[in-house]
């Protein structure tokens, strides 16, 4: 097996790339052209990337994200090349493009196919572009490759679901909530049972996350007030208290503590606080109205989890990824 370097930046390679799926949880493949040798002019690389995006979009596997776990990689080679002694010279070449679908986290190749095309042009870019233009997104070999890969990804999640859930639970147990959420929100709906388990677990871990954060914020607020029981200390304490999520178990204690602080402030300071409190309550009511039933609350929590996963991914070290092929 040759080793193919994939020229992408894997943002969360340690546990999987969150962007592997569309917003509705479907598997998606990010298109990558392996052109380390510089065999294709950069302009033609863009043409090939666009063509590959069309290929995966036709079958519902398209992705606009950059850090996907599941990728489709194109490795082009020149089979034959002739330069006609015309003015200007005309390049005629036969090229082979091998497509590989794989998992950059597990370093697995799921499926592949090779296609051959002929391109003619007055320069390298045009010769490559005319060859690439002949790729038909609905090509039967491409369809079979993507279908085969999809089935194998489904088998992976069926076989490894409990391991994924356990890994997330272990991470959450030591306070790595964001990483655990990213791992669970990463599970696509290709395996309905695993997807349902992951969605249930991610909601649970998200609640633990905001409870832990709420407790820390409340503790910080109390420390600020204890160190400076005056208007300055109140301001610093309120800065922490205002960040406590209304669904956190600390929210009730937050309100009690606020009342304790306000009781010791001057009349002017109390009026200011009450005005801020009124605005906050109006925003809170609006938020609760938007989440008036269980389903909407769950969807809002999943959306919040997705946001957590995205932020966690953005903060991961950028790493070049290799895929055995």
Protein backbone atom coordinates (compact mmCIF):
# COMPACT_ATOMS: atom_id res chain seq x y z
CA UNK A 1 0.00 0.00 0.00
CA UNK A 2 1.31 3.43 -0.89
CA UNK A 3 1.07 6.21 1.65
CA UNK A 4 -0.94 9.18 0.44
CA UNK A 5 -0.52 12.50 2.21
CA UNK A 6 -3.77 14.39 2.39
CA UNK A 7 -3.24 18.11 2.17
CA UNK A 8 -5.91 19.22 4.59
CA UNK A 9 -5.86 20.68 8.05
CA UNK A 10 -7.54 18.36 10.55
CA UNK A 11 -8.93 20.56 13.27
CA UNK A 12 -9.99 17.89 15.70
CA UNK A 13 -8.08 14.87 14.60
CA UNK A 14 -7.80 13.42 18.12
CA UNK A 15 -11.43 12.32 18.33
CA UNK A 16 -12.90 13.00 14.93
CA UNK A 17 -13.73 15.98 12.83
CA UNK A 18 -16.97 17.60 13.85
CA UNK A 19 -17.58 18.91 10.38
CA UNK A 20 -17.93 15.38 8.96
CA UNK A 21 -21.66 15.81 8.69
CA UNK A 22 -24.20 18.22 7.30
CA UNK A 23 -26.29 20.29 9.69
CA UNK A 24 -28.96 17.59 9.74
CA UNK A 25 -26.51 14.86 10.80
CA UNK A 26 -25.87 13.20 7.43
CA UNK A 27 -22.41 11.92 6.50
CA UNK A 28 -20.47 14.19 4.18
CA UNK A 29 -17.17 13.92 2.34
CA UNK A 30 -14.79 16.82 1.98
CA UNK A 31 -13.00 17.02 -1.36
CA UNK A 32 -9.20 17.10 -1.40
CA UNK A 33 -6.76 17.06 -4.32
CA UNK A 34 -3.38 15.49 -3.61
CA UNK A 35 -1.05 17.69 -5.66
CA UNK A 36 2.13 17.64 -3.63
CA UNK A 37 4.10 16.85 -6.77
CA UNK A 38 2.71 19.95 -8.46
CA UNK A 39 1.62 17.88 -11.43
CA UNK A 40 -1.56 19.97 -11.86
CA UNK A 41 -1.51 23.77 -12.27
CA UNK A 42 -3.25 25.50 -9.35
CA UNK A 43 -6.08 26.78 -11.55
CA UNK A 44 -6.83 23.22 -12.67
CA UNK A 45 -6.73 22.02 -9.05
CA UNK A 46 -9.65 24.36 -8.32
CA UNK A 47 -11.51 22.94 -11.32
CA UNK A 48 -11.00 19.40 -10.02
CA UNK A 49 -12.07 20.34 -6.48
CA UNK A 50 -15.28 21.86 -7.84
CA UNK A 51 -15.94 18.77 -9.91
CA UNK A 52 -15.43 16.55 -6.87
CA UNK A 53 -17.80 18.69 -4.86
CA UNK A 54 -20.39 18.16 -7.57
CA UNK A 55 -19.77 14.41 -7.36
CA UNK A 56 -20.50 14.16 -3.64
CA UNK A 57 -23.37 16.66 -3.77
CA UNK A 58 -25.22 14.60 -6.38
CA UNK A 59 -25.52 11.78 -3.85
CA UNK A 60 -26.19 13.97 -0.81
CA UNK A 61 -22.69 13.80 0.68
CA UNK A 62 -21.63 17.39 0.04
CA UNK A 63 -19.92 19.52 2.67
CA UNK A 64 -18.85 23.15 2.80
CA UNK A 65 -16.74 22.56 5.89
CA UNK A 66 -12.95 22.38 5.91
CA UNK A 67 -12.12 19.89 8.64
CA UNK A 68 -14.04 16.78 7.68
CA UNK A 69 -13.26 13.37 9.09
CA UNK A 70 -14.46 11.61 5.96
CA UNK A 71 -12.78 12.75 2.77
CA UNK A 72 -12.69 11.99 -0.91
CA UNK A 73 -9.17 12.42 -2.22
CA UNK A 74 -8.12 12.72 -5.85
CA UNK A 75 -4.65 11.63 -6.91
CA UNK A 76 -3.97 12.56 -10.56
CA UNK A 77 -1.21 11.15 -12.76
CA UNK A 78 -0.21 11.66 -16.38
CA UNK A 79 -0.34 8.45 -18.44
CA UNK A 80 0.79 9.89 -21.78
CA UNK A 81 1.65 13.37 -22.97
CA UNK A 82 2.33 14.80 -26.45
CA UNK A 83 3.15 18.34 -27.48
CA UNK A 84 2.23 19.14 -31.08
CA UNK A 85 4.73 21.48 -32.86
CA UNK A 86 2.06 24.01 -33.72
CA UNK A 87 1.84 27.74 -33.05
CA UNK A 88 0.95 27.93 -30.30
CA UNK A 89 1.94 24.40 -29.25
CA UNK A 90 -0.97 22.12 -28.34
CA UNK A 91 -0.71 19.72 -25.42
CA UNK A 92 -2.52 16.40 -25.65
CA UNK A 93 -2.40 14.16 -22.62
CA UNK A 94 -4.10 11.15 -21.13
CA UNK A 95 -4.53 11.41 -17.37
CA UNK A 96 -5.66 8.97 -14.72
CA UNK A 97 -7.41 10.25 -11.63
CA UNK A 98 -7.75 7.89 -8.69
CA UNK A 99 -10.42 8.78 -6.14
CA UNK A 100 -10.19 7.45 -2.62
CA UNK A 101 -12.78 7.77 0.14
CA UNK A 102 -11.40 7.39 3.64
CA UNK A 103 -11.50 8.21 7.33
CA UNK A 104 -8.62 10.45 8.42
CA UNK A 105 -9.22 9.71 12.11
CA UNK A 106 -9.09 5.93 11.83
CA UNK A 107 -6.61 6.21 8.93
CA UNK A 108 -8.76 3.89 6.84
CA UNK A 109 -9.51 3.69 3.14
CA UNK A 110 -13.12 2.66 2.55
CA UNK A 111 -13.39 2.64 -1.25
CA UNK A 112 -11.66 3.84 -4.42
CA UNK A 113 -11.91 3.98 -8.18
CA UNK A 114 -9.70 5.12 -11.06
CA UNK A 115 -10.88 6.93 -14.19
CA UNK A 116 -8.95 7.86 -17.34
CA UNK A 117 -9.54 10.96 -19.48
CA UNK A 118 -7.90 12.76 -22.38
CA UNK A 119 -7.43 16.51 -22.42
CA UNK A 120 -6.16 18.91 -25.08
CA UNK A 121 -5.19 22.55 -24.72
CA UNK A 122 -2.71 25.28 -25.58
CA UNK A 123 -1.20 25.05 -22.09
CA UNK A 124 -1.06 22.73 -19.09
CA UNK A 125 -4.05 24.32 -17.35
CA UNK A 126 -6.32 24.00 -20.39
CA UNK A 127 -5.20 20.44 -21.08
CA UNK A 128 -5.99 19.41 -17.52
CA UNK A 129 -9.24 21.38 -17.42
CA UNK A 130 -10.60 19.74 -20.57
CA UNK A 131 -9.79 16.32 -19.15
CA UNK A 132 -11.40 17.11 -15.78
CA UNK A 133 -14.50 18.47 -17.54
CA UNK A 134 -15.17 14.95 -18.80
CA UNK A 135 -15.75 13.63 -15.29
CA UNK A 136 -19.44 12.89 -14.94
CA UNK A 137 -20.62 13.28 -11.32
CA UNK A 138 -23.20 10.52 -11.87
CA UNK A 139 -20.57 8.08 -13.18
CA UNK A 140 -21.46 4.53 -12.11
CA UNK A 141 -18.00 3.82 -10.69
CA UNK A 142 -18.13 6.99 -8.61
CA UNK A 143 -21.62 6.11 -7.40
CA UNK A 144 -20.52 2.60 -6.38
CA UNK A 145 -17.46 3.96 -4.59
CA UNK A 146 -19.47 6.43 -2.51
CA UNK A 147 -22.17 3.86 -1.76
CA UNK A 148 -19.56 1.31 -0.67
CA UNK A 149 -17.86 3.86 1.57
CA UNK A 150 -21.18 4.93 3.09
CA UNK A 151 -22.06 1.34 3.97
CA UNK A 152 -18.67 0.78 5.61
CA UNK A 153 -19.00 3.98 7.66
CA UNK A 154 -22.38 2.75 8.86
CA UNK A 155 -20.79 -0.55 9.87
CA UNK A 156 -18.07 1.35 11.75
CA UNK A 157 -20.57 3.25 13.88
CA UNK A 158 -22.64 0.13 14.51
CA UNK A 159 -19.58 -1.72 15.75
CA UNK A 160 -18.02 1.14 17.73
CA UNK A 161 -21.00 2.99 19.18
CA UNK A 162 -20.53 1.82 22.76
CA UNK A 163 -16.84 2.70 22.59
CA UNK A 164 -17.66 6.22 21.40
CA UNK A 165 -20.25 6.72 24.16
CA UNK A 166 -17.87 5.40 26.81
CA UNK A 167 -15.04 7.61 25.60
CA UNK A 168 -17.28 10.67 25.79
CA UNK A 169 -18.47 9.71 29.25
CA UNK A 170 -14.88 9.21 30.43
CA UNK A 171 -13.89 12.61 29.10
CA UNK A 172 -16.86 14.31 30.75
CA UNK A 173 -16.03 12.61 34.05
CA UNK A 174 -12.69 14.44 34.19
CA UNK A 175 -14.15 17.74 33.06
CA UNK A 176 -13.40 17.56 29.34
CA UNK A 177 -16.97 18.46 28.51
CA UNK A 178 -16.34 20.25 25.22
CA UNK A 179 -14.29 17.38 23.82
CA UNK A 180 -16.93 14.89 24.91
CA UNK A 181 -19.67 16.96 23.29
CA UNK A 182 -17.65 17.23 20.07
CA UNK A 183 -17.20 13.46 19.99
CA UNK A 184 -20.92 12.80 20.40
CA UNK A 185 -22.21 15.53 18.12
CA UNK A 186 -19.82 14.07 15.54
CA UNK A 187 -21.92 10.89 15.25
CA UNK A 188 -23.96 11.03 12.02
CA UNK A 189 -27.41 9.56 11.55
CA UNK A 190 -26.07 6.80 9.30
CA UNK A 191 -26.61 4.42 12.23
CA UNK A 192 -29.98 5.40 13.70
CA UNK A 193 -29.46 3.58 17.00
CA UNK A 194 -26.02 5.06 17.64
CA UNK A 195 -27.19 8.50 16.55
CA UNK A 196 -30.07 8.38 19.04
CA UNK A 197 -27.77 7.24 21.86
CA UNK A 198 -25.27 9.98 21.06
CA UNK A 199 -27.96 12.66 20.95
CA UNK A 200 -29.32 11.56 24.31
CA UNK A 201 -25.88 11.42 25.90
CA UNK A 202 -24.76 14.76 24.48
CA UNK A 203 -27.78 16.50 26.02
CA UNK A 204 -26.92 14.92 29.38
CA UNK A 205 -23.26 15.95 29.19
CA UNK A 206 -24.17 19.45 28.07
CA UNK A 207 -26.31 19.81 31.20
CA UNK A 208 -23.39 18.66 33.32
CA UNK A 209 -21.19 21.19 31.55
CA UNK A 210 -23.44 24.17 32.26
CA UNK A 211 -24.00 22.97 35.83
CA UNK A 212 -20.24 22.82 36.39
CA UNK A 213 -19.69 26.18 34.74
CA UNK A 214 -22.55 27.68 36.75
CA UNK A 215 -21.03 26.44 40.00
CA UNK A 216 -17.67 27.95 39.08
CA UNK A 217 -19.23 31.29 38.12
CA UNK A 218 -21.21 31.41 41.35
CA UNK A 219 -18.08 30.62 43.36
CA UNK A 220 -16.13 33.35 41.57
CA UNK A 221 -18.92 35.85 42.21
CA UNK A 222 -18.94 35.04 45.92
CA UNK A 223 -15.17 35.45 46.05
CA UNK A 224 -15.40 38.88 44.42
CA UNK A 225 -18.08 40.03 46.83
CA UNK A 226 -16.28 38.61 49.85
CA UNK A 227 -13.07 40.41 48.88
CA UNK A 228 -14.84 43.73 48.23
CA UNK A 229 -18.39 44.01 49.70
CA UNK A 230 -19.12 47.34 48.01
CA UNK A 231 -20.26 48.70 44.63
CA UNK A 232 -17.02 47.62 42.96
CA UNK A 233 -17.29 44.10 44.35
CA UNK A 234 -20.94 43.97 43.36
CA UNK A 235 -20.10 44.96 39.80
CA UNK A 236 -17.45 42.24 39.56
CA UNK A 237 -19.76 39.69 41.15
CA UNK A 238 -22.62 40.53 38.80
CA UNK A 239 -20.27 40.09 35.83
CA UNK A 240 -19.90 36.45 36.83
CA UNK A 241 -23.51 35.93 37.86
CA UNK A 242 -24.85 37.23 34.55
CA UNK A 243 -23.04 34.41 32.74
CA UNK A 244 -24.84 31.61 34.61
CA UNK A 245 -27.13 29.73 32.26
CA UNK A 246 -30.80 29.84 33.34
CA UNK A 247 -30.96 26.03 33.06
CA UNK A 248 -27.99 25.53 35.38
CA UNK A 249 -28.70 24.20 38.86
CA UNK A 250 -26.79 27.21 40.17
CA UNK A 251 -29.29 29.66 38.70
CA UNK A 252 -31.58 29.54 41.74
CA UNK A 253 -28.66 30.17 44.10
CA UNK A 254 -27.48 32.93 41.81
CA UNK A 255 -30.74 34.82 42.27
CA UNK A 256 -30.63 34.41 46.04
CA UNK A 257 -27.06 35.69 46.15
CA UNK A 258 -27.93 38.67 43.97
CA UNK A 259 -30.64 39.67 46.44
CA UNK A 260 -28.12 39.48 49.28
CA UNK A 261 -25.78 41.80 47.43
CA UNK A 262 -28.49 44.26 46.43
CA UNK A 263 -29.72 44.51 50.01
CA UNK A 264 -26.37 46.05 50.95
CA UNK A 265 -26.13 48.53 48.09
CA UNK A 266 -27.17 52.17 48.15
CA UNK A 267 -30.56 53.26 46.81
CA UNK A 268 -29.06 54.54 43.52
CA UNK A 269 -27.09 51.36 43.01
CA UNK A 270 -30.20 49.28 43.73
CA UNK A 271 -32.16 51.21 41.08
CA UNK A 272 -29.43 50.54 38.50
CA UNK A 273 -29.37 46.89 39.40
CA UNK A 274 -33.14 46.58 39.17
CA UNK A 275 -33.09 48.14 35.69
CA UNK A 276 -30.46 45.67 34.54
CA UNK A 277 -32.45 42.93 36.20
CA UNK A 278 -35.61 43.97 34.31
CA UNK A 279 -33.81 43.86 30.97
CA UNK A 280 -32.33 40.49 31.79
CA UNK A 281 -35.72 39.07 32.74
CA UNK A 282 -37.24 40.29 29.48
CA UNK A 283 -34.50 38.53 27.52
CA UNK A 284 -34.97 35.41 29.64
CA UNK A 285 -38.73 35.35 29.03
CA UNK A 286 -38.17 35.72 25.29
CA UNK A 287 -35.72 32.84 25.35
CA UNK A 288 -38.13 30.65 27.33
CA UNK A 289 -40.95 31.51 24.95
CA UNK A 290 -38.84 30.37 22.01
CA UNK A 291 -38.28 27.07 23.80
CA UNK A 292 -41.84 26.54 25.02
CA UNK A 293 -41.99 22.79 24.55
CA UNK A 294 -39.76 19.78 25.17
CA UNK A 295 -38.88 19.22 21.52
CA UNK A 296 -37.81 22.80 20.94
CA UNK A 297 -35.78 22.81 24.16
CA UNK A 298 -34.00 19.67 23.04
CA UNK A 299 -33.32 21.12 19.60
CA UNK A 300 -31.98 24.28 21.22
CA UNK A 301 -29.70 22.17 23.41
CA UNK A 302 -28.44 20.20 20.39
CA UNK A 303 -27.76 23.49 18.61
CA UNK A 304 -25.84 24.69 21.67
CA UNK A 305 -23.88 21.43 21.70
CA UNK A 306 -23.04 21.91 18.03
CA UNK A 307 -21.77 25.40 18.81
CA UNK A 308 -19.62 24.02 21.64
CA UNK A 309 -18.17 21.39 19.29
CA UNK A 310 -17.38 23.99 16.62
CA UNK A 311 -15.56 26.23 19.10
CA UNK A 312 -13.65 23.26 20.50
CA UNK A 313 -12.62 22.25 16.98
CA UNK A 314 -11.40 25.74 16.15
CA UNK A 315 -9.08 25.68 19.16
CA UNK A 316 -7.39 22.38 18.31
CA UNK A 317 -3.83 22.32 16.90
CA UNK A 318 -3.65 22.23 13.12
CA UNK A 319 -2.27 18.89 12.03
CA UNK A 320 -1.46 17.36 8.65
CA UNK A 321 -3.25 14.09 8.21
CA UNK A 322 -2.11 10.90 6.52
CA UNK A 323 -4.29 8.23 4.98
CA UNK A 324 -2.87 4.82 4.13
CA UNK A 325 -3.61 3.88 0.57
